[in-house]
Amino acid sequence: MMQKKCPQCKNLISITSPTCLFCGRPNKFVTNNYVKKKWNKEYKKDRFSNFKIIISKKISLLFIIIGILIILLISLYK
């Protein structure tokens, strides 16, 4: 098992452990990979997914405005 020294308390910890067992300091390389895998977060933003979110917000706003206009037109003709 490969080990390294914790920079804070200088005790040996496993390379694959997420935190130091003695002081609780997070192992930044393991924690960083864990967060990327678990939550699917990347440092570079995916522009396509952001574009889809913006379009979906605009489309939903458009449907709300059209619905309000239809309700107003129906109420005016009665």
PDB file of N, CA and C in Angstrom:
ATOM      1  N   MET A   1       0.853  -1.173   0.000  1.00  0.00           N
ATOM      2  CA  MET A   1       0.000   0.000   0.000  1.00  0.00           C
ATOM      3  C   MET A   1       0.899   1.237   0.000  1.00  0.00           C
ATOM      4  N   MET A   2       0.649   2.132  -0.909  1.00  0.00           N
ATOM      5  CA  MET A   2       1.443   3.362  -1.003  1.00  0.00           C
ATOM      6  C   MET A   2       0.927   4.368   0.017  1.00  0.00           C
ATOM      7  N   GLN A   3       1.855   5.028   0.664  1.00  0.00           N
ATOM      8  CA  GLN A   3       1.494   6.002   1.675  1.00  0.00           C
ATOM      9  C   GLN A   3       2.255   7.297   1.439  1.00  0.00           C
ATOM     10  N   LYS A   4       1.735   8.364   1.984  1.00  0.00           N
ATOM     11  CA  LYS A   4       2.423   9.651   1.944  1.00  0.00           C
ATOM     12  C   LYS A   4       2.184  10.349   3.269  1.00  0.00           C
ATOM     13  N   LYS A   5       2.947  11.402   3.500  1.00  0.00           N
ATOM     14  CA  LYS A   5       2.809  12.143   4.750  1.00  0.00           C
ATOM     15  C   LYS A   5       1.738  13.213   4.609  1.00  0.00           C
ATOM     16  N   CYS A   6       0.935  13.338   5.642  1.00  0.00           N
ATOM     17  CA  CYS A   6      -0.058  14.410   5.686  1.00  0.00           C
ATOM     18  C   CYS A   6       0.700  15.725   5.878  1.00  0.00           C
ATOM     19  N   PRO A   7       0.414  16.748   5.075  1.00  0.00           N
ATOM     20  CA  PRO A   7       1.152  18.012   5.205  1.00  0.00           C
ATOM     21  C   PRO A   7       0.875  18.744   6.512  1.00  0.00           C
ATOM     22  N   GLN A   8      -0.233  18.429   7.163  1.00  0.00           N
ATOM     23  CA  GLN A   8      -0.584  19.151   8.382  1.00  0.00           C
ATOM     24  C   GLN A   8      -0.010  18.479   9.632  1.00  0.00           C
ATOM     25  N   CYS A   9      -0.245  17.183   9.794  1.00  0.00           N
ATOM     26  CA  CYS A   9       0.178  16.515  11.034  1.00  0.00           C
ATOM     27  C   CYS A   9       1.391  15.612  10.843  1.00  0.00           C
ATOM     28  N   LYS A  10       1.849  15.412   9.602  1.00  0.00           N
ATOM     29  CA  LYS A  10       3.034  14.614   9.260  1.00  0.00           C
ATOM     30  C   LYS A  10       2.900  13.122   9.556  1.00  0.00           C
ATOM     31  N   ASN A  11       1.704  12.608   9.745  1.00  0.00           N
ATOM     32  CA  ASN A  11       1.483  11.175   9.907  1.00  0.00           C
ATOM     33  C   ASN A  11       1.302  10.536   8.543  1.00  0.00           C
ATOM     34  N   LEU A  12       1.622   9.259   8.418  1.00  0.00           N
ATOM     35  CA  LEU A  12       1.482   8.556   7.154  1.00  0.00           C
ATOM     36  C   LEU A  12       0.010   8.227   6.902  1.00  0.00           C
ATOM     37  N   ILE A  13      -0.447   8.536   5.695  1.00  0.00           N
ATOM     38  CA  ILE A  13      -1.817   8.195   5.295  1.00  0.00           C
ATOM     39  C   ILE A  13      -1.761   7.502   3.945  1.00  0.00           C
ATOM     40  N   SER A  14      -2.781   6.739   3.648  1.00  0.00           N
ATOM     41  CA  SER A  14      -2.867   6.061   2.364  1.00  0.00           C
ATOM     42  C   SER A  14      -3.111   7.090   1.260  1.00  0.00           C
ATOM     43  N   ILE A  15      -2.579   6.804   0.088  1.00  0.00           N
ATOM     44  CA  ILE A  15      -2.754   7.730  -1.041  1.00  0.00           C
ATOM     45  C   ILE A  15      -4.218   7.788  -1.451  1.00  0.00           C
ATOM     46  N   THR A  16      -4.930   6.671  -1.299  1.00  0.00           N
ATOM     47  CA  THR A  16      -6.327   6.620  -1.755  1.00  0.00           C
ATOM     48  C   THR A  16      -7.334   7.056  -0.706  1.00  0.00           C
ATOM     49  N   SER A  17      -6.876   7.380   0.504  1.00  0.00           N
ATOM     50  CA  SER A  17      -7.837   7.784   1.546  1.00  0.00           C
ATOM     51  C   SER A  17      -8.312   9.210   1.301  1.00  0.00           C
ATOM     52  N   PRO A  18      -9.593   9.482   1.496  1.00  0.00           N
ATOM     53  CA  PRO A  18     -10.100  10.832   1.234  1.00  0.00           C
ATOM     54  C   PRO A  18      -9.679  11.855   2.279  1.00  0.00           C
ATOM     55  N   THR A  19      -9.410  11.409   3.522  1.00  0.00           N
ATOM     56  CA  THR A  19      -8.991  12.337   4.575  1.00  0.00           C
ATOM     57  C   THR A  19      -7.915  11.679   5.429  1.00  0.00           C
ATOM     58  N   CYS A  20      -7.196  12.500   6.170  1.00  0.00           N
ATOM     59  CA  CYS A  20      -6.218  12.000   7.130  1.00  0.00           C
ATOM     60  C   CYS A  20      -6.973  11.456   8.343  1.00  0.00           C
ATOM     61  N   LEU A  21      -6.590  10.276   8.801  1.00  0.00           N
ATOM     62  CA  LEU A  21      -7.283   9.657   9.932  1.00  0.00           C
ATOM     63  C   LEU A  21      -6.991  10.370  11.240  1.00  0.00           C
ATOM     64  N   PHE A  22      -5.863  11.070  11.322  1.00  0.00           N
ATOM     65  CA  PHE A  22      -5.452  11.688  12.576  1.00  0.00           C
ATOM     66  C   PHE A  22      -5.980  13.115  12.729  1.00  0.00           C
ATOM     67  N   CYS A  23      -5.828  13.926  11.690  1.00  0.00           N
ATOM     68  CA  CYS A  23      -6.234  15.329  11.825  1.00  0.00           C
ATOM     69  C   CYS A  23      -7.498  15.675  11.040  1.00  0.00           C
ATOM     70  N   GLY A  24      -7.908  14.814  10.095  1.00  0.00           N
ATOM     71  CA  GLY A  24      -9.132  15.059   9.338  1.00  0.00           C
ATOM     72  C   GLY A  24      -8.959  15.939   8.121  1.00  0.00           C
ATOM     73  N   ARG A  25      -7.726  16.284   7.794  1.00  0.00           N
ATOM     74  CA  ARG A  25      -7.484  17.133   6.625  1.00  0.00           C
ATOM     75  C   ARG A  25      -7.842  16.358   5.355  1.00  0.00           C
ATOM     76  N   PRO A  26      -8.597  16.970   4.423  1.00  0.00           N
ATOM     77  CA  PRO A  26      -8.961  16.254   3.191  1.00  0.00           C
ATOM     78  C   PRO A  26      -7.757  16.096   2.269  1.00  0.00           C
ATOM     79  N   ASN A  27      -7.684  14.956   1.628  1.00  0.00           N
ATOM     80  CA  ASN A  27      -6.670  14.706   0.612  1.00  0.00           C
ATOM     81  C   ASN A  27      -7.196  15.314  -0.676  1.00  0.00           C
ATOM     82  N   LYS A  28      -6.639  16.441  -1.088  1.00  0.00           N
ATOM     83  CA  LYS A  28      -7.272  17.233  -2.152  1.00  0.00           C
ATOM     84  C   LYS A  28      -7.332  16.509  -3.482  1.00  0.00           C
ATOM     85  N   PHE A  29      -6.386  15.634  -3.773  1.00  0.00           N
ATOM     86  CA  PHE A  29      -6.417  14.946  -5.055  1.00  0.00           C
ATOM     87  C   PHE A  29      -7.516  13.892  -5.077  1.00  0.00           C
ATOM     88  N   VAL A  30      -7.668  13.143  -4.020  1.00  0.00           N
ATOM     89  CA  VAL A  30      -8.723  12.127  -3.949  1.00  0.00           C
ATOM     90  C   VAL A  30     -10.082  12.800  -3.877  1.00  0.00           C
ATOM     91  N   THR A  31     -10.205  13.858  -3.067  1.00  0.00           N
ATOM     92  CA  THR A  31     -11.479  14.559  -2.916  1.00  0.00           C
ATOM     93  C   THR A  31     -11.907  15.186  -4.242  1.00  0.00           C
ATOM     94  N   ASN A  32     -10.952  15.773  -4.969  1.00  0.00           N
ATOM     95  CA  ASN A  32     -11.247  16.406  -6.250  1.00  0.00           C
ATOM     96  C   ASN A  32     -11.782  15.379  -7.244  1.00  0.00           C
ATOM     97  N   ASN A  33     -11.136  14.222  -7.345  1.00  0.00           N
ATOM     98  CA  ASN A  33     -11.607  13.177  -8.263  1.00  0.00           C
ATOM     99  C   ASN A  33     -12.965  12.638  -7.827  1.00  0.00           C
ATOM    100  N   TYR A  34     -13.165  12.510  -6.535  1.00  0.00           N
ATOM    101  CA  TYR A  34     -14.443  12.015  -6.019  1.00  0.00           C
ATOM    102  C   TYR A  34     -15.583  12.951  -6.400  1.00  0.00           C
ATOM    103  N   VAL A  35     -15.362  14.233  -6.234  1.00  0.00           N
ATOM    104  CA  VAL A  35     -16.409  15.207  -6.566  1.00  0.00           C
ATOM    105  C   VAL A  35     -16.699  15.186  -8.055  1.00  0.00           C
ATOM    106  N   LYS A  36     -15.662  15.088  -8.874  1.00  0.00           N
ATOM    107  CA  LYS A  36     -15.877  15.041 -10.326  1.00  0.00           C
ATOM    108  C   LYS A  36     -16.700  13.829 -10.727  1.00  0.00           C
ATOM    109  N   LYS A  37     -16.364  12.661 -10.150  1.00  0.00           N
ATOM    110  CA  LYS A  37     -17.090  11.449 -10.516  1.00  0.00           C
ATOM    111  C   LYS A  37     -18.497  11.441  -9.946  1.00  0.00           C
ATOM    112  N   LYS A  38     -18.640  11.857  -8.692  1.00  0.00           N
ATOM    113  CA  LYS A  38     -19.920  11.759  -8.014  1.00  0.00           C
ATOM    114  C   LYS A  38     -20.941  12.737  -8.578  1.00  0.00           C
ATOM    115  N   TRP A  39     -20.536  13.961  -8.760  1.00  0.00           N
ATOM    116  CA  TRP A  39     -21.477  15.006  -9.163  1.00  0.00           C
ATOM    117  C   TRP A  39     -21.329  15.402 -10.621  1.00  0.00           C
ATOM    118  N   ASN A  40     -20.406  14.739 -11.351  1.00  0.00           N
ATOM    119  CA  ASN A  40     -20.193  14.990 -12.773  1.00  0.00           C
ATOM    120  C   ASN A  40     -19.897  16.460 -13.034  1.00  0.00           C
ATOM    121  N   LYS A  41     -19.013  17.016 -12.220  1.00  0.00           N
ATOM    122  CA  LYS A  41     -18.652  18.414 -12.395  1.00  0.00           C
ATOM    123  C   LYS A  41     -17.319  18.494 -13.121  1.00  0.00           C
ATOM    124  N   GLU A  42     -17.229  19.341 -14.067  1.00  0.00           N
ATOM    125  CA  GLU A  42     -16.011  19.579 -14.816  1.00  0.00           C
ATOM    126  C   GLU A  42     -15.596  21.021 -14.607  1.00  0.00           C
ATOM    127  N   TYR A  43     -14.304  21.274 -14.758  1.00  0.00           N
ATOM    128  CA  TYR A  43     -13.838  22.642 -14.603  1.00  0.00           C
ATOM    129  C   TYR A  43     -14.302  23.525 -15.765  1.00  0.00           C
ATOM    130  N   LYS A  44     -14.315  22.955 -16.951  1.00  0.00           N
ATOM    131  CA  LYS A  44     -14.791  23.720 -18.107  1.00  0.00           C
ATOM    132  C   LYS A  44     -16.297  23.563 -18.204  1.00  0.00           C
ATOM    133  N   LYS A  45     -16.984  24.652 -18.361  1.00  0.00           N
ATOM    134  CA  LYS A  45     -18.440  24.585 -18.460  1.00  0.00           C
ATOM    135  C   LYS A  45     -18.835  24.063 -19.838  1.00  0.00           C
ATOM    136  N   ASP A  46     -19.816  23.215 -19.839  1.00  0.00           N
ATOM    137  CA  ASP A  46     -20.336  22.686 -21.081  1.00  0.00           C
ATOM    138  C   ASP A  46     -21.297  23.712 -21.664  1.00  0.00           C
ATOM    139  N   ARG A  47     -20.880  24.332 -22.730  1.00  0.00           N
ATOM    140  CA  ARG A  47     -21.689  25.427 -23.297  1.00  0.00           C
ATOM    141  C   ARG A  47     -23.003  24.925 -23.867  1.00  0.00           C
ATOM    142  N   PHE A  48     -22.997  23.697 -24.368  1.00  0.00           N
ATOM    143  CA  PHE A  48     -24.223  23.175 -24.954  1.00  0.00           C
ATOM    144  C   PHE A  48     -25.310  23.009 -23.899  1.00  0.00           C
ATOM    145  N   SER A  49     -24.943  22.497 -22.729  1.00  0.00           N
ATOM    146  CA  SER A  49     -25.954  22.310 -21.687  1.00  0.00           C
ATOM    147  C   SER A  49     -26.441  23.666 -21.168  1.00  0.00           C
ATOM    148  N   ASN A  50     -25.546  24.648 -21.062  1.00  0.00           N
ATOM    149  CA  ASN A  50     -25.965  25.987 -20.647  1.00  0.00           C
ATOM    150  C   ASN A  50     -26.893  26.601 -21.696  1.00  0.00           C
ATOM    151  N   PHE A  51     -26.608  26.359 -22.958  1.00  0.00           N
ATOM    152  CA  PHE A  51     -27.439  26.869 -24.043  1.00  0.00           C
ATOM    153  C   PHE A  51     -28.832  26.248 -23.975  1.00  0.00           C
ATOM    154  N   LYS A  52     -28.901  24.931 -23.680  1.00  0.00           N
ATOM    155  CA  LYS A  52     -30.201  24.267 -23.564  1.00  0.00           C
ATOM    156  C   LYS A  52     -31.009  24.845 -22.411  1.00  0.00           C
ATOM    157  N   ILE A  53     -30.360  25.166 -21.306  1.00  0.00           N
ATOM    158  CA  ILE A  53     -31.059  25.745 -20.154  1.00  0.00           C
ATOM    159  C   ILE A  53     -31.622  27.113 -20.512  1.00  0.00           C
ATOM    160  N   ILE A  54     -30.821  27.929 -21.197  1.00  0.00           N
ATOM    161  CA  ILE A  54     -31.280  29.273 -21.584  1.00  0.00           C
ATOM    162  C   ILE A  54     -32.465  29.167 -22.534  1.00  0.00           C
ATOM    163  N   ILE A  55     -32.385  28.260 -23.507  1.00  0.00           N
ATOM    164  CA  ILE A  55     -33.480  28.094 -24.460  1.00  0.00           C
ATOM    165  C   ILE A  55     -34.736  27.601 -23.742  1.00  0.00           C
ATOM    166  N   SER A  56     -34.590  26.661 -22.815  1.00  0.00           N
ATOM    167  CA  SER A  56     -35.770  26.140 -22.124  1.00  0.00           C
ATOM    168  C   SER A  56     -36.417  27.226 -21.264  1.00  0.00           C
ATOM    169  N   LYS A  57     -35.620  28.107 -20.679  1.00  0.00           N
ATOM    170  CA  LYS A  57     -36.182  29.215 -19.903  1.00  0.00           C
ATOM    171  C   LYS A  57     -36.940  30.172 -20.812  1.00  0.00           C
ATOM    172  N   LYS A  58     -36.375  30.452 -21.992  1.00  0.00           N
ATOM    173  CA  LYS A  58     -37.037  31.357 -22.925  1.00  0.00           C
ATOM    174  C   LYS A  58     -38.331  30.749 -23.455  1.00  0.00           C
ATOM    175  N   ILE A  59     -38.321  29.463 -23.746  1.00  0.00           N
ATOM    176  CA  ILE A  59     -39.515  28.803 -24.267  1.00  0.00           C
ATOM    177  C   ILE A  59     -40.614  28.778 -23.207  1.00  0.00           C
ATOM    178  N   SER A  60     -40.250  28.492 -21.965  1.00  0.00           N
ATOM    179  CA  SER A  60     -41.261  28.468 -20.914  1.00  0.00           C
ATOM    180  C   SER A  60     -41.838  29.869 -20.682  1.00  0.00           C
ATOM    181  N   LEU A  61     -41.004  30.888 -20.756  1.00  0.00           N
ATOM    182  CA  LEU A  61     -41.491  32.266 -20.622  1.00  0.00           C
ATOM    183  C   LEU A  61     -42.421  32.608 -21.781  1.00  0.00           C
ATOM    184  N   LEU A  62     -42.102  32.166 -22.973  1.00  0.00           N
ATOM    185  CA  LEU A  62     -42.938  32.411 -24.138  1.00  0.00           C
ATOM    186  C   LEU A  62     -44.312  31.750 -23.979  1.00  0.00           C
ATOM    187  N   PHE A  63     -44.353  30.505 -23.507  1.00  0.00           N
ATOM    188  CA  PHE A  63     -45.626  29.828 -23.289  1.00  0.00           C
ATOM    189  C   PHE A  63     -46.459  30.516 -22.219  1.00  0.00           C
ATOM    190  N   ILE A  64     -45.817  31.010 -21.184  1.00  0.00           N
ATOM    191  CA  ILE A  64     -46.551  31.728 -20.136  1.00  0.00           C
ATOM    192  C   ILE A  64     -47.168  33.000 -20.696  1.00  0.00           C
ATOM    193  N   ILE A  65     -46.413  33.756 -21.499  1.00  0.00           N
ATOM    194  CA  ILE A  65     -46.924  35.000 -22.091  1.00  0.00           C
ATOM    195  C   ILE A  65     -48.064  34.692 -23.060  1.00  0.00           C
ATOM    196  N   ILE A  66     -47.909  33.652 -23.882  1.00  0.00           N
ATOM    197  CA  ILE A  66     -48.973  33.279 -24.823  1.00  0.00           C
ATOM    198  C   ILE A  66     -50.230  32.856 -24.056  1.00  0.00           C
ATOM    199  N   GLY A  67     -50.069  32.107 -22.976  1.00  0.00           N
ATOM    200  CA  GLY A  67     -51.211  31.689 -22.161  1.00  0.00           C
ATOM    201  C   GLY A  67     -51.934  32.881 -21.560  1.00  0.00           C
ATOM    202  N   ILE A  68     -51.190  33.848 -21.059  1.00  0.00           N
ATOM    203  CA  ILE A  68     -51.808  35.057 -20.489  1.00  0.00           C
ATOM    204  C   ILE A  68     -52.548  35.836 -21.562  1.00  0.00           C
ATOM    205  N   LEU A  69     -51.964  35.951 -22.746  1.00  0.00           N
ATOM    206  CA  LEU A  69     -52.633  36.661 -23.840  1.00  0.00           C
ATOM    207  C   LEU A  69     -53.924  35.953 -24.258  1.00  0.00           C
ATOM    208  N   ILE A  70     -53.912  34.632 -24.310  1.00  0.00           N
ATOM    209  CA  ILE A  70     -55.115  33.884 -24.675  1.00  0.00           C
ATOM    210  C   ILE A  70     -56.199  34.097 -23.625  1.00  0.00           C
ATOM    211  N   ILE A  71     -55.832  34.052 -22.364  1.00  0.00           N
ATOM    212  CA  ILE A  71     -56.812  34.292 -21.284  1.00  0.00           C
ATOM    213  C   ILE A  71     -57.384  35.700 -21.372  1.00  0.00           C
ATOM    214  N   LEU A  72     -56.543  36.688 -21.657  1.00  0.00           N
ATOM    215  CA  LEU A  72     -57.025  38.061 -21.795  1.00  0.00           C
ATOM    216  C   LEU A  72     -57.951  38.214 -22.997  1.00  0.00           C
ATOM    217  N   LEU A  73     -57.621  37.599 -24.107  1.00  0.00           N
ATOM    218  CA  LEU A  73     -58.471  37.688 -25.293  1.00  0.00           C
ATOM    219  C   LEU A  73     -59.812  37.003 -25.051  1.00  0.00           C
ATOM    220  N   ILE A  74     -59.817  35.868 -24.390  1.00  0.00           N
ATOM    221  CA  ILE A  74     -61.072  35.179 -24.107  1.00  0.00           C
ATOM    222  C   ILE A  74     -61.945  36.023 -23.167  1.00  0.00           C
ATOM    223  N   SER A  75     -61.322  36.649 -22.169  1.00  0.00           N
ATOM    224  CA  SER A  75     -62.096  37.450 -21.230  1.00  0.00           C
ATOM    225  C   SER A  75     -62.633  38.732 -21.877  1.00  0.00           C
ATOM    226  N   LEU A  76     -61.933  39.277 -22.881  1.00  0.00           N
ATOM    227  CA  LEU A  76     -62.398  40.485 -23.570  1.00  0.00           C
ATOM    228  C   LEU A  76     -63.593  40.190 -24.476  1.00  0.00           C
ATOM    229  N   TYR A  77     -63.645  39.003 -25.100  1.00  0.00           N
ATOM    230  CA  TYR A  77     -64.726  38.678 -26.038  1.00  0.00           C
ATOM    231  C   TYR A  77     -65.981  38.171 -25.344  1.00  0.00           C
ATOM    232  N   LYS A  78     -65.945  37.913 -24.058  1.00  0.00           N
ATOM    233  CA  LYS A  78     -67.167  37.433 -23.376  1.00  0.00           C
ATOM    234  C   LYS A  78     -68.037  38.528 -22.992  1.00  0.00           C
TER     235      LYS A  78
END
